Amino acid sequence: MAFFNEKPVVVLGGGIAGITAALELAHLGLPVALVEKSPFFGGRAAHFACKATDTCQKCGACLVEQRLRDLIQESGVTLYPHTELIQAQRPDGLFHLTFRRQPQRIDPHRCINCGICYDECPAISQQAILTGSSPAQHPRYAINPAGCLYFRDGSCRICQELCFPKAIDLDRPETTFTLEAPALVLATGYQPADPRSRPHYGYGFLPRVITGWELEQRLRDGAALEIPGNGRPARSIAFIQCVGSRDQDHPYCSRVCCAYGLRLARLIRHRLPECRLATFYMDLQNIGLDAQRFQEEALAEVKLIRVLPGDVATAADGTIKLRYLDEVSGQALSTAFDLVVLAVGIAPGPENPRLAELLHLDLTPEGFIRSHDDLHRTATGQPGLFLAGTVEGPRSIAECIAQATAAVQQVRNYLEAAS
């Protein structure tokens, strides 16, 4: 691999799969370029809450934090945040990749993470300044041009004016650069399914209906589980499974919804013992190595109702009424809850069609990148181009880590055979 050692293996996507692949490649002594489209590494999994109660529930959230710390300390990986692939060619066996990089408008060498830019920003509700999920990331803040008033009409420079270390420069230009890579790992992840695909659940216009993703962020941030609008603690919460999965438009199972829904419910029961909890489902996927014990423990803490509600309605007191048919009697029932949580599934990443065209890859009917490897599901139709994580299909954090590790082994085999 002497020739190839001079050029980095490029990993596209800085979520848990991409980070794992980058670290494993670096441990093999290979130079690595880790490219992430957002300003921060860690992906969506970095925003998940630890779901431990009295014992660990093996949700995998802590694995992301640990790997982020390892990534920051790994000298063999060059990090390219806020960077996206815009062109790809392969005239000589190497991938010739052109990237567009947004400037780091907050200089990491000057920033002291004081947070004054975030605290004083007049457009923070438009997400003009983004925050990273982990203290391992530096800087913890990033300017978001899509929400910033300066990039909208030039009317505001408050963050730059107040920054006493002079770390902020709103006028830094974007740049383009190229990399030549002997191999490429595609780990660009997924997007949550759109909860509006089930409009009868009221997401978007009923404030007491939220997604599991939103609940994760509340719990991770330590926020109280208050009822939107009145600030009272929620005393009853319903989870509805399979939102954006296993329907006519999304026939596949997202694999993770049962696990995170029940783990979140058990975490809430641990924090709020008096809270009444129910989970509405079609059937339950196996959760962990001891699925039977997990389900029995969940049954002791959460009411499991094997039916999906037909619709929701707002009661006079503001609670959400779920209407459904009893599985045994067939009788129509209606139960009110303070809060309804939609367990949304895993949808294909929005960049998949563009990346498939750039890299000459195939898409599955659902929109994921198609694998040509039935064993590890890492190989593609392009030699030297491998898949890791949810870009190929739904999987858990642990499964993303395992597949990324398998992809690295395939990279190693490919480079050794080509040298």
Protein backbone atom coordinates (compact mmCIF):
# COMPACT_ATOMS: atom_id res chain seq x y z
CA MET A 1 0.00 0.00 0.00
CA ALA A 2 3.03 2.26 -0.31
CA PHE A 3 1.69 4.32 -3.23
CA PHE A 4 -1.73 4.70 -1.70
CA ASN A 5 -0.33 5.69 1.70
CA GLU A 6 0.61 9.03 0.21
CA LYS A 7 -3.04 9.92 -0.37
CA PRO A 8 -5.85 9.96 2.18
CA VAL A 9 -8.83 7.68 2.24
CA VAL A 10 -11.80 10.04 2.15
CA VAL A 11 -14.76 9.43 4.45
CA LEU A 12 -17.88 11.39 3.51
CA GLY A 13 -20.09 12.00 6.52
CA GLY A 14 -19.12 12.82 10.10
CA GLY A 15 -21.79 10.91 12.01
CA ILE A 16 -21.17 7.82 14.13
CA ALA A 17 -20.49 5.59 11.10
CA GLY A 18 -18.12 8.08 9.46
CA ILE A 19 -16.28 8.77 12.72
CA THR A 20 -15.87 5.05 13.37
CA ALA A 21 -14.56 4.46 9.85
CA ALA A 22 -12.12 7.37 10.14
CA LEU A 23 -10.76 6.19 13.48
CA GLU A 24 -10.39 2.58 12.34
CA LEU A 25 -8.59 3.64 9.16
CA ALA A 26 -6.24 5.85 11.17
CA HIS A 27 -5.50 2.94 13.50
CA LEU A 28 -4.34 1.01 10.41
CA GLY A 29 -1.84 3.78 9.74
CA LEU A 30 -3.73 5.19 6.77
CA PRO A 31 -4.14 8.96 6.33
CA VAL A 32 -7.80 9.95 6.46
CA ALA A 33 -9.83 12.97 5.39
CA LEU A 34 -13.18 13.15 7.19
CA VAL A 35 -15.63 15.44 5.40
CA GLU A 36 -18.84 16.65 7.04
CA LYS A 37 -21.46 18.90 5.46
CA SER A 38 -22.57 20.50 8.74
CA PRO A 39 -20.36 22.65 10.99
CA PHE A 40 -20.16 19.91 13.64
CA PHE A 41 -19.21 16.25 13.79
CA GLY A 42 -21.28 13.57 15.48
CA GLY A 43 -24.34 13.52 13.23
CA ARG A 44 -27.85 13.03 14.53
CA ALA A 45 -26.79 10.41 17.05
CA ALA A 46 -24.76 13.04 18.90
CA HIS A 47 -28.06 14.68 19.92
CA PHE A 48 -29.53 11.53 21.47
CA ALA A 49 -30.09 11.43 25.22
CA CYS A 50 -28.59 8.79 27.46
CA LYS A 51 -31.53 6.57 28.42
CA ALA A 52 -30.02 4.94 31.50
CA THR A 53 -32.37 4.47 34.44
CA ASP A 54 -31.00 2.50 37.41
CA THR A 55 -29.05 0.53 34.83
CA CYS A 56 -27.71 1.11 31.33
CA GLN A 57 -30.32 0.52 28.62
CA LYS A 58 -27.63 0.03 25.96
CA CYS A 59 -28.98 2.76 23.70
CA GLY A 60 -25.49 3.58 22.36
CA ALA A 61 -25.61 7.34 22.96
CA CYS A 62 -22.48 7.26 25.11
CA LEU A 63 -20.55 5.56 22.30
CA VAL A 64 -20.97 8.66 20.14
CA GLU A 65 -19.56 10.98 22.81
CA GLN A 66 -16.53 8.75 23.37
CA ARG A 67 -15.75 8.49 19.67
CA LEU A 68 -16.07 12.24 19.27
CA ARG A 69 -13.43 12.73 21.94
CA ASP A 70 -11.22 10.14 20.25
CA LEU A 71 -11.68 11.86 16.91
CA ILE A 72 -10.57 15.26 18.19
CA GLN A 73 -7.40 13.68 19.59
CA GLU A 74 -6.59 11.55 16.51
CA SER A 75 -3.74 13.17 14.57
CA GLY A 76 -4.12 10.81 11.62
CA VAL A 77 -7.52 12.25 10.64
CA THR A 78 -7.82 15.63 8.92
CA LEU A 79 -11.21 17.19 9.62
CA TYR A 80 -13.17 19.17 7.03
CA PRO A 81 -16.35 20.55 8.65
CA HIS A 82 -18.97 22.52 6.72
CA THR A 83 -17.74 20.93 3.48
CA GLU A 84 -19.61 19.18 0.67
CA LEU A 85 -18.66 17.19 -2.39
CA ILE A 86 -19.50 19.01 -5.61
CA GLN A 87 -17.63 17.02 -8.27
CA ALA A 88 -16.14 13.56 -8.63
CA GLN A 89 -14.07 11.96 -11.39
CA ARG A 90 -12.00 8.81 -11.69
CA PRO A 91 -9.73 8.99 -14.74
CA ASP A 92 -6.84 6.91 -13.39
CA GLY A 93 -8.18 4.64 -10.64
CA LEU A 94 -8.02 7.39 -8.04
CA PHE A 95 -11.06 9.37 -6.94
CA HIS A 96 -10.53 13.03 -7.91
CA LEU A 97 -12.90 14.86 -5.60
CA THR A 98 -13.73 18.56 -5.59
CA PHE A 99 -15.20 20.09 -2.43
CA ARG A 100 -16.82 23.38 -1.51
CA ARG A 101 -16.02 24.51 2.02
CA GLN A 102 -17.93 27.14 3.94
CA PRO A 103 -15.60 29.40 5.91
CA GLN A 104 -15.13 29.02 9.64
CA ARG A 105 -16.54 32.42 10.45
CA ILE A 106 -15.72 31.69 14.10
CA ASP A 107 -11.95 31.19 14.27
CA PRO A 108 -11.21 28.08 16.40
CA HIS A 109 -7.81 29.52 17.37
CA ARG A 110 -9.40 32.64 18.87
CA CYS A 111 -12.79 31.45 20.12
CA ILE A 112 -13.00 30.81 23.87
CA ASN A 113 -16.57 29.44 23.79
CA CYS A 114 -17.87 32.27 25.98
CA GLY A 115 -21.25 32.15 24.22
CA ILE A 116 -21.81 35.89 24.03
CA CYS A 117 -22.50 35.62 20.29
CA TYR A 118 -25.30 33.15 20.99
CA ASP A 119 -26.70 35.06 23.97
CA GLU A 120 -26.86 38.43 22.19
CA CYS A 121 -27.89 37.32 18.69
CA PRO A 122 -31.22 38.98 17.72
CA ALA A 123 -31.98 36.19 15.24
CA ILE A 124 -31.32 33.21 17.49
CA SER A 125 -34.92 32.04 16.98
CA GLN A 126 -34.05 31.72 13.27
CA GLN A 127 -31.02 29.59 14.25
CA ALA A 128 -28.57 32.23 13.12
CA ILE A 129 -26.00 30.68 15.45
CA LEU A 130 -25.80 26.91 15.81
CA THR A 131 -24.40 25.04 18.80
CA GLY A 132 -22.57 21.75 18.81
CA SER A 133 -23.91 18.85 20.83
CA SER A 134 -20.67 17.88 22.56
CA PRO A 135 -18.18 19.75 24.75
CA ALA A 136 -15.48 17.85 22.84
CA GLN A 137 -16.14 20.05 19.80
CA HIS A 138 -14.43 23.39 19.41
CA PRO A 139 -15.67 25.94 18.76
CA ARG A 140 -19.08 25.10 20.19
CA TYR A 141 -20.73 27.71 17.95
CA ALA A 142 -21.11 28.29 14.21
CA ILE A 143 -22.68 31.07 12.15
CA ASN A 144 -25.61 29.84 10.05
CA PRO A 145 -25.98 32.06 6.94
CA ALA A 146 -29.51 30.76 6.34
CA GLY A 147 -30.72 32.43 9.55
CA CYS A 148 -28.23 35.27 10.00
CA LEU A 149 -29.48 38.83 9.43
CA TYR A 150 -26.13 39.89 8.01
CA PHE A 151 -26.45 37.42 5.14
CA ARG A 152 -30.10 38.31 4.66
CA ASP A 153 -29.81 42.09 4.30
CA GLY A 154 -26.52 43.20 5.87
CA SER A 155 -28.35 44.76 8.82
CA CYS A 156 -26.56 43.09 11.73
CA ARG A 157 -22.97 42.48 12.90
CA ILE A 158 -23.68 42.26 16.62
CA CYS A 159 -21.85 38.96 17.13
CA GLN A 160 -18.71 40.23 15.40
CA GLU A 161 -18.79 43.55 17.25
CA LEU A 162 -19.25 41.97 20.69
CA CYS A 163 -16.69 39.19 20.27
CA PHE A 164 -13.77 40.48 22.38
CA PRO A 165 -11.29 37.74 21.27
CA LYS A 166 -12.02 38.92 17.69
CA ALA A 167 -12.82 35.38 16.63
CA ILE A 168 -15.74 36.24 14.33
CA ASP A 169 -15.32 37.46 10.76
CA LEU A 170 -18.55 37.41 8.76
CA ASP A 171 -16.77 38.30 5.51
CA ARG A 172 -14.62 35.21 5.19
CA PRO A 173 -15.26 33.67 1.73
CA GLU A 174 -16.01 30.07 0.90
CA THR A 175 -13.27 28.03 -0.76
CA THR A 176 -12.96 25.04 -3.05
CA PHE A 177 -10.27 22.38 -2.96
CA THR A 178 -9.55 18.94 -4.40
CA LEU A 179 -8.43 15.64 -2.92
CA GLU A 180 -7.18 12.52 -4.63
CA ALA A 181 -8.20 9.37 -2.81
CA PRO A 182 -7.47 5.68 -3.43
CA ALA A 183 -10.70 4.71 -1.65
CA LEU A 184 -13.88 6.35 -0.45
CA VAL A 185 -16.27 5.52 2.39
CA LEU A 186 -19.75 6.97 2.02
CA ALA A 187 -21.36 7.52 5.42
CA THR A 188 -23.67 10.47 4.86
CA GLY A 189 -26.47 9.15 7.06
CA TYR A 190 -30.22 9.67 6.99
CA GLN A 191 -32.96 12.14 7.74
CA PRO A 192 -35.86 11.54 10.14
CA ALA A 193 -39.06 10.55 8.41
CA ASP A 194 -41.52 13.40 7.97
CA PRO A 195 -44.16 13.15 10.72
CA ARG A 196 -46.51 15.08 8.46
CA SER A 197 -46.78 11.92 6.37
CA ARG A 198 -49.40 10.92 8.97
CA PRO A 199 -51.42 14.15 8.99
CA HIS A 200 -54.19 12.66 11.13
CA TYR A 201 -51.83 12.76 14.14
CA GLY A 202 -51.77 16.56 14.03
CA TYR A 203 -48.04 17.21 14.03
CA GLY A 204 -47.29 20.80 13.06
CA PHE A 205 -50.54 22.32 14.26
CA LEU A 206 -51.15 20.59 17.62
CA PRO A 207 -48.36 21.81 19.95
CA ARG A 208 -48.80 18.85 22.28
CA VAL A 209 -47.81 16.45 19.50
CA ILE A 210 -44.03 16.20 19.17
CA THR A 211 -41.53 13.78 17.66
CA GLY A 212 -39.21 11.39 19.42
CA TRP A 213 -36.32 13.42 18.02
CA GLU A 214 -37.64 16.56 19.75
CA LEU A 215 -38.15 14.65 22.99
CA GLU A 216 -34.56 13.35 22.78
CA GLN A 217 -33.25 16.90 22.57
CA ARG A 218 -35.35 18.03 25.55
CA LEU A 219 -34.11 15.18 27.69
CA ARG A 220 -30.49 15.63 26.61
CA ASP A 221 -30.63 19.33 27.46
CA GLY A 222 -32.12 18.55 30.88
CA ALA A 223 -35.35 20.39 30.09
CA ALA A 224 -38.44 19.63 32.13
CA LEU A 225 -41.19 17.64 30.45
CA GLU A 226 -43.69 20.45 30.49
CA ILE A 227 -46.93 20.70 28.56
CA PRO A 228 -46.53 23.23 25.74
CA GLY A 229 -48.47 26.38 26.48
CA ASN A 230 -49.08 26.05 30.22
CA GLY A 231 -45.76 24.94 31.72
CA ARG A 232 -47.32 22.18 33.84
CA PRO A 233 -45.40 18.88 34.03
CA ALA A 234 -46.83 16.21 31.74
CA ARG A 235 -48.67 13.57 33.74
CA SER A 236 -49.60 11.32 30.82
CA ILE A 237 -47.65 10.62 27.64
CA ALA A 238 -48.46 8.41 24.65
CA PHE A 239 -45.95 7.09 22.14
CA ILE A 240 -47.12 6.19 18.65
CA GLN A 241 -44.77 3.86 16.78
CA CYS A 242 -44.05 3.43 13.05
CA VAL A 243 -44.59 7.04 11.95
CA GLY A 244 -43.01 7.27 8.52
CA SER A 245 -42.35 3.52 8.33
CA ARG A 246 -44.34 0.45 7.35
CA ASP A 247 -46.98 2.31 5.41
CA GLN A 248 -47.90 2.42 1.74
CA ASP A 249 -45.28 5.04 0.91
CA HIS A 250 -42.58 3.68 3.25
CA PRO A 251 -43.04 -0.11 3.36
CA TYR A 252 -39.75 -0.88 5.12
CA CYS A 253 -39.18 -1.15 8.89
CA SER A 254 -36.89 1.52 10.35
CA ARG A 255 -35.62 -0.99 12.97
CA VAL A 256 -34.83 1.55 15.69
CA CYS A 257 -38.24 3.09 16.52
CA CYS A 258 -39.43 0.35 18.90
CA ALA A 259 -36.15 0.48 20.81
CA TYR A 260 -35.88 4.23 21.24
CA GLY A 261 -39.59 4.68 21.91
CA LEU A 262 -39.64 2.16 24.75
CA ARG A 263 -36.31 3.34 26.14
CA LEU A 264 -37.54 6.93 26.19
CA ALA A 265 -40.76 5.84 27.91
CA ARG A 266 -38.82 3.92 30.56
CA LEU A 267 -36.50 6.89 31.10
CA ILE A 268 -39.50 9.15 31.65
CA ARG A 269 -41.00 6.67 34.11
CA HIS A 270 -37.68 6.67 35.96
CA ARG A 271 -37.63 10.48 36.17
CA LEU A 272 -41.38 10.95 36.65
CA PRO A 273 -42.72 7.87 38.49
CA GLU A 274 -46.27 9.25 38.59
CA CYS A 275 -46.47 9.81 34.83
CA ARG A 276 -48.92 7.53 32.99
CA LEU A 277 -47.27 6.06 29.86
CA ALA A 278 -48.66 4.13 26.90
CA THR A 279 -47.12 2.89 23.66
CA PHE A 280 -49.28 2.23 20.61
CA TYR A 281 -47.66 -0.20 18.17
CA MET A 282 -48.22 -2.78 15.43
CA ASP A 283 -45.58 -5.25 16.65
CA LEU A 284 -42.28 -4.94 18.49
CA GLN A 285 -38.85 -5.48 16.99
CA ASN A 286 -36.34 -7.38 19.12
CA ILE A 287 -34.43 -4.98 21.34
CA GLY A 288 -30.90 -5.96 22.35
CA LEU A 289 -29.45 -9.35 23.16
CA ASP A 290 -32.09 -10.12 25.81
CA ALA A 291 -35.20 -8.88 24.04
CA GLN A 292 -37.61 -10.97 26.11
CA ARG A 293 -36.39 -9.55 29.43
CA PHE A 294 -36.43 -5.99 28.06
CA GLN A 295 -40.02 -6.39 26.90
CA GLU A 296 -41.10 -7.85 30.24
CA GLU A 297 -39.49 -4.95 32.10
CA ALA A 298 -41.12 -2.47 29.74
CA LEU A 299 -44.53 -4.07 30.30
CA ALA A 300 -44.17 -3.44 34.02
CA GLU A 301 -43.62 0.27 33.42
CA VAL A 302 -45.44 1.15 30.20
CA LYS A 303 -48.87 0.14 28.95
CA LEU A 304 -48.42 -1.52 25.55
CA ILE A 305 -51.43 -1.23 23.24
CA ARG A 306 -51.21 -3.25 20.05
CA VAL A 307 -53.01 -0.90 17.69
CA LEU A 308 -52.24 2.40 16.01
CA PRO A 309 -54.67 5.23 16.75
CA GLY A 310 -57.01 6.22 13.95
CA ASP A 311 -56.84 9.94 14.68
CA VAL A 312 -56.36 12.53 17.38
CA ALA A 313 -58.55 15.33 18.69
CA THR A 314 -58.13 18.14 21.19
CA ALA A 315 -60.30 17.91 24.29
CA ALA A 316 -61.80 20.92 26.06
CA ASP A 317 -59.04 20.88 28.69
CA GLY A 318 -56.33 20.91 25.99
CA THR A 319 -55.37 17.25 26.28
CA ILE A 320 -54.99 15.10 23.18
CA LYS A 321 -57.56 12.34 22.72
CA LEU A 322 -56.39 9.26 20.84
CA ARG A 323 -59.12 7.18 19.22
CA TYR A 324 -58.49 3.50 18.54
CA LEU A 325 -60.08 0.07 18.43
CA ASP A 326 -59.48 -2.33 21.30
CA GLU A 327 -57.55 -5.34 19.95
CA VAL A 328 -59.59 -7.92 21.87
CA SER A 329 -63.13 -6.57 21.87
CA GLY A 330 -63.03 -4.41 18.76
CA GLN A 331 -64.69 -1.65 20.78
CA ALA A 332 -63.94 1.97 19.89
CA LEU A 333 -61.97 3.64 22.69
CA SER A 334 -60.71 7.15 23.37
CA THR A 335 -57.96 8.02 25.84
CA ALA A 336 -56.60 11.50 26.67
CA PHE A 337 -52.90 12.35 27.14
CA ASP A 338 -51.01 15.50 28.03
CA LEU A 339 -48.37 14.82 25.41
CA VAL A 340 -48.16 12.61 22.31
CA VAL A 341 -44.76 11.52 20.99
CA LEU A 342 -44.45 10.27 17.41
CA ALA A 343 -41.69 7.68 17.01
CA VAL A 344 -40.55 8.72 13.54
CA GLY A 345 -38.53 6.34 11.43
CA ILE A 346 -35.39 6.58 9.31
CA ALA A 347 -35.77 8.09 5.84
CA PRO A 348 -33.11 8.22 3.09
CA GLY A 349 -30.72 11.16 3.23
CA PRO A 350 -31.80 14.08 1.04
CA GLU A 351 -28.42 14.09 -0.71
CA ASN A 352 -28.63 10.45 -1.83
CA PRO A 353 -29.86 11.12 -5.40
CA ARG A 354 -27.20 13.75 -6.00
CA LEU A 355 -24.42 11.62 -4.52
CA ALA A 356 -25.57 8.58 -6.49
CA GLU A 357 -25.33 10.59 -9.70
CA LEU A 358 -21.91 12.06 -8.83
CA LEU A 359 -20.41 8.72 -7.81
CA HIS A 360 -22.27 6.47 -10.29
CA LEU A 361 -24.11 4.50 -7.62
CA ASP A 362 -27.51 2.84 -7.56
CA LEU A 363 -30.45 3.70 -5.34
CA THR A 364 -32.88 1.27 -3.76
CA PRO A 365 -36.60 1.79 -4.47
CA GLU A 366 -36.83 3.48 -1.06
CA GLY A 367 -34.01 5.91 -1.88
CA PHE A 368 -31.07 4.48 0.07
CA ILE A 369 -27.72 3.78 -1.62
CA ARG A 370 -27.76 0.21 -2.92
CA SER A 371 -25.15 -2.22 -1.66
CA HIS A 372 -23.73 -4.97 -3.87
CA ASP A 373 -22.57 -6.99 -0.86
CA ASP A 374 -25.11 -9.33 0.72
CA LEU A 375 -22.81 -10.28 3.61
CA HIS A 376 -21.66 -6.95 5.07
CA ARG A 377 -23.69 -4.62 2.81
CA THR A 378 -20.65 -2.37 2.47
CA ALA A 379 -19.52 -2.75 -1.15
CA THR A 380 -20.99 -0.85 -4.09
CA GLY A 381 -20.81 -1.30 -7.84
CA GLN A 382 -17.76 0.99 -7.81
CA PRO A 383 -14.43 -0.62 -6.83
CA GLY A 384 -12.91 1.15 -3.86
CA LEU A 385 -16.17 2.82 -2.81
CA PHE A 386 -17.79 1.45 0.33
CA LEU A 387 -20.87 2.18 2.43
CA ALA A 388 -21.22 2.63 6.18
CA GLY A 389 -24.22 3.39 8.35
CA THR A 390 -27.71 4.52 7.49
CA VAL A 391 -26.82 5.78 4.00
CA GLU A 392 -27.41 2.14 3.02
CA GLY A 393 -30.51 1.53 5.13
CA PRO A 394 -31.96 1.78 8.65
CA ARG A 395 -29.78 0.56 11.50
CA SER A 396 -28.99 1.31 15.14
CA ILE A 397 -25.91 3.05 16.54
CA ALA A 398 -24.30 -0.29 17.36
CA GLU A 399 -25.09 -1.62 13.89
CA CYS A 400 -23.63 1.54 12.30
CA ILE A 401 -20.41 1.00 14.24
CA ALA A 402 -20.25 -2.65 13.21
CA GLN A 403 -20.87 -1.92 9.55
CA ALA A 404 -18.32 0.92 9.51
CA THR A 405 -15.73 -1.45 10.96
CA ALA A 406 -16.57 -3.99 8.25
CA ALA A 407 -16.26 -1.28 5.59
CA VAL A 408 -12.76 -0.42 6.84
CA GLN A 409 -11.73 -4.05 6.50
CA GLN A 410 -13.00 -3.99 2.92
CA VAL A 411 -11.00 -0.81 2.27
CA ARG A 412 -7.89 -2.50 3.61
CA ASN A 413 -8.46 -5.58 1.43
CA TYR A 414 -9.01 -3.39 -1.61
CA LEU A 415 -5.86 -1.32 -1.07
CA GLU A 416 -3.72 -4.37 -0.43
CA ALA A 417 -4.99 -6.04 -3.59
CA ALA A 418 -4.39 -2.87 -5.63
CA SER A 419 -0.86 -2.21 -4.37
